[in-house]
Protein backbone atom coordinates (compact mmCIF):
# COMPACT_ATOMS: atom_id res chain seq x y z
CA MET A 1 6.61 -14.20 -1.95
CA PRO A 2 7.68 -15.59 -5.33
CA GLU A 3 7.82 -19.39 -5.14
CA GLN A 4 11.43 -19.56 -6.32
CA LYS A 5 12.50 -17.09 -3.64
CA LEU A 6 10.59 -19.08 -1.00
CA VAL A 7 12.43 -22.24 -2.09
CA GLU A 8 15.79 -20.44 -1.95
CA GLU A 9 15.12 -18.85 1.45
CA ALA A 10 13.76 -22.05 3.00
CA THR A 11 16.72 -24.02 1.66
CA LYS A 12 19.14 -21.48 3.11
CA GLN A 13 17.37 -21.19 6.49
CA LEU A 14 16.81 -24.91 7.02
CA GLY A 15 20.12 -26.22 5.74
CA LEU A 16 23.35 -26.71 7.61
CA PRO A 17 26.80 -26.92 6.00
CA GLU A 18 27.04 -30.62 6.78
CA PHE A 19 23.34 -31.26 6.08
CA PRO A 20 22.18 -29.26 3.04
CA VAL A 21 18.50 -29.16 2.10
CA ASP A 22 17.41 -30.31 -1.35
CA PRO A 23 15.59 -27.41 -3.12
CA ASP A 24 13.48 -29.91 -5.10
CA ARG A 25 12.21 -31.35 -1.84
CA VAL A 26 11.24 -27.88 -0.60
CA ALA A 27 9.44 -27.21 -3.91
CA GLY A 28 7.59 -30.51 -3.47
CA LEU A 29 6.52 -29.53 0.05
CA ILE A 30 5.25 -26.18 -1.28
CA ALA A 31 3.16 -28.03 -3.88
CA GLN A 32 1.82 -30.38 -1.21
CA MET A 33 0.97 -27.43 1.08
CA ALA A 34 -0.84 -25.72 -1.81
CA GLU A 35 -2.92 -28.86 -2.45
CA THR A 36 -4.01 -28.97 1.19
CA GLN A 37 -4.62 -25.19 1.33
CA GLN A 38 -1.89 -24.69 3.93
CA LEU A 39 -0.35 -22.24 1.45
CA ILE A 40 -1.98 -20.16 -1.29
CA VAL A 41 -0.09 -20.30 -4.59
CA GLU A 42 -1.28 -18.12 -7.46
CA PRO A 43 0.12 -16.71 -10.69
CA GLY A 44 1.89 -13.43 -10.09
CA TYR A 45 1.08 -10.16 -11.82
CA GLY A 46 2.96 -7.01 -12.75
CA ASP A 47 6.69 -7.56 -12.28
CA LEU A 48 5.96 -11.11 -11.08
CA ALA A 49 3.69 -12.09 -13.99
CA ASP A 50 6.04 -14.88 -15.05
CA GLN A 51 6.18 -16.46 -11.56
CA GLN A 52 4.02 -18.27 -9.02
CA VAL A 53 3.52 -16.31 -5.79
CA CYS A 54 3.00 -17.90 -2.36
CA TYR A 55 0.90 -16.48 0.47
CA ALA A 56 0.15 -17.57 4.02
CA PRO A 57 -3.63 -18.22 3.95
CA ALA A 58 -4.43 -15.87 6.86
CA PHE A 59 -2.58 -12.97 5.21
CA TYR A 60 -4.01 -13.74 1.78
CA HIS A 61 -7.65 -13.87 2.89
CA THR A 62 -7.27 -10.81 5.11
CA GLU A 63 -5.71 -8.82 2.27
CA VAL A 64 -8.41 -9.88 -0.22
CA ALA A 65 -11.19 -8.95 2.22
CA LEU A 66 -9.58 -5.62 3.04
CA ALA A 67 -9.04 -4.77 -0.63
CA SER A 68 -12.69 -5.57 -1.37
CA ARG A 69 -13.95 -3.40 1.49
CA LEU A 70 -11.67 -0.51 0.52
CA ALA A 71 -12.77 -0.72 -3.12
CA THR A 72 -16.44 -0.62 -2.09
CA PHE A 73 -15.77 2.30 0.25
CA ALA A 74 -13.76 4.23 -2.36
CA ARG A 75 -16.52 3.87 -4.99
CA SER A 76 -19.09 5.66 -2.82
CA PRO A 77 -19.60 9.19 -4.19
CA VAL A 78 -18.76 12.30 -2.17
CA ALA A 79 -20.57 15.59 -2.73
CA VAL A 80 -18.16 18.51 -2.41
CA ASP A 81 -18.03 22.07 -3.70
CA VAL A 82 -14.80 21.71 -5.70
CA PRO A 83 -14.50 25.43 -6.64
CA ARG A 84 -14.83 26.31 -2.93
CA VAL A 85 -12.06 23.85 -2.03
CA GLU A 86 -9.85 25.23 -4.82
CA ARG A 87 -10.42 28.80 -3.55
CA TRP A 88 -9.60 27.65 -0.03
CA ILE A 89 -6.37 25.99 -1.20
CA ASP A 90 -5.35 29.20 -3.02
CA GLY A 91 -6.10 31.32 0.04
CA TYR A 92 -4.41 28.93 2.44
CA ILE A 93 -1.15 28.66 0.52
CA GLN A 94 -1.08 32.42 -0.04
CA LYS A 95 -1.69 33.10 3.67
CA LYS A 96 1.00 30.61 4.69
CA GLY A 97 3.42 31.72 1.97
CA MET A 98 3.63 28.16 0.69
CA VAL A 99 3.91 26.64 -2.73
CA LEU A 100 2.24 23.32 -3.52
CA SER A 101 3.43 21.24 -6.43
CA GLU A 102 0.75 20.19 -8.90
CA GLU A 103 0.75 16.68 -7.35
CA GLN A 104 0.39 18.07 -3.81
CA ARG A 105 -2.45 20.36 -4.88
CA ARG A 106 -4.19 17.42 -6.57
CA ALA A 107 -3.79 15.34 -3.38
CA VAL A 108 -5.37 18.08 -1.24
CA LEU A 109 -8.27 18.39 -3.68
CA LEU A 110 -8.69 14.60 -3.84
CA SER A 111 -8.74 14.42 -0.05
CA ALA A 112 -11.84 16.62 -0.05
CA SER A 113 -13.59 14.83 -2.90
CA SER A 114 -12.66 11.18 -2.29
CA ARG A 115 -13.53 8.71 0.41
CA LEU A 116 -10.08 7.17 0.29
CA LEU A 117 -6.69 8.69 -0.41
CA VAL A 118 -3.37 6.91 -0.27
CA LEU A 119 -0.49 9.37 -0.25
CA THR A 120 2.85 7.85 -1.17
CA GLY A 121 6.28 9.08 -2.18
CA GLY A 122 9.93 8.92 -1.39
CA PRO A 123 11.70 10.74 1.45
CA GLY A 124 11.53 14.52 1.17
CA CYS A 125 8.83 14.65 -1.52
CA GLY A 126 6.37 16.50 0.72
CA LYS A 127 4.02 13.86 2.16
CA THR A 128 3.99 15.41 5.63
CA PHE A 129 3.63 18.94 4.23
CA THR A 130 0.73 17.79 2.04
CA THR A 131 -0.90 15.97 4.95
CA LYS A 132 -0.72 19.11 7.12
CA THR A 133 -2.46 21.03 4.33
CA ILE A 134 -5.10 18.29 4.07
CA VAL A 135 -5.76 18.41 7.82
CA ALA A 136 -6.10 22.20 7.67
CA CYS A 137 -8.70 21.68 4.90
CA TRP A 138 -10.92 19.46 7.10
CA PRO A 139 -13.52 22.17 7.93
CA LEU A 140 -14.46 22.18 4.21
CA ILE A 141 -15.01 18.44 4.03
CA PRO A 142 -18.71 17.55 4.42
CA ARG A 143 -18.02 14.38 6.38
CA ARG A 144 -16.03 13.16 9.32
CA CYS A 145 -12.47 12.13 8.53
CA SER A 146 -11.75 8.86 10.28
CA PHE A 147 -8.05 8.27 9.87
CA VAL A 148 -5.03 10.08 8.53
CA THR A 149 -1.46 8.98 9.00
CA THR A 150 1.98 9.48 7.60
CA ARG A 151 4.69 7.00 8.22
CA THR A 152 8.29 6.99 7.15
CA THR A 153 9.87 3.58 6.85
CA HIS A 154 13.58 3.16 6.35
CA PHE A 155 14.70 -0.12 4.85
CA LYS A 156 18.15 -1.46 5.47
CA PRO A 157 19.46 -3.81 2.80
CA ARG A 158 20.31 -7.28 4.00
CA PRO A 159 23.94 -8.29 3.72
């Protein structure tokens, strides 16, 4: 969470109308927690490049370890007969009377030739449809597929 947002949220959550919390004091506590490694504070990146970002140590270290393991896993090469998979995709969509967008077709092909595929997109873009096509493609994949999931999450804005 961006440090400034953490200060604002903590100030709001901890304060009472008759006993407000000083944001500078919260910022000081964040700095103290960072010094004692009770909180990880690092420079942000991307949209948060101009801010400091705070992490709970357990979440931070778990995420770093997971990212490292996934990167190692994803770098391992996969031998696959790409023309065969492309022919299968063409036959499958013709048989089913379906049309895959270029992105969906690329995702199905990547699922056969990659060790890791993250399929994302907004509601109604075809994630479930693409996943069903990927699962139908499994007999062509020269390895066991360990995990496939789709999940729709609906966020409600806070008042």
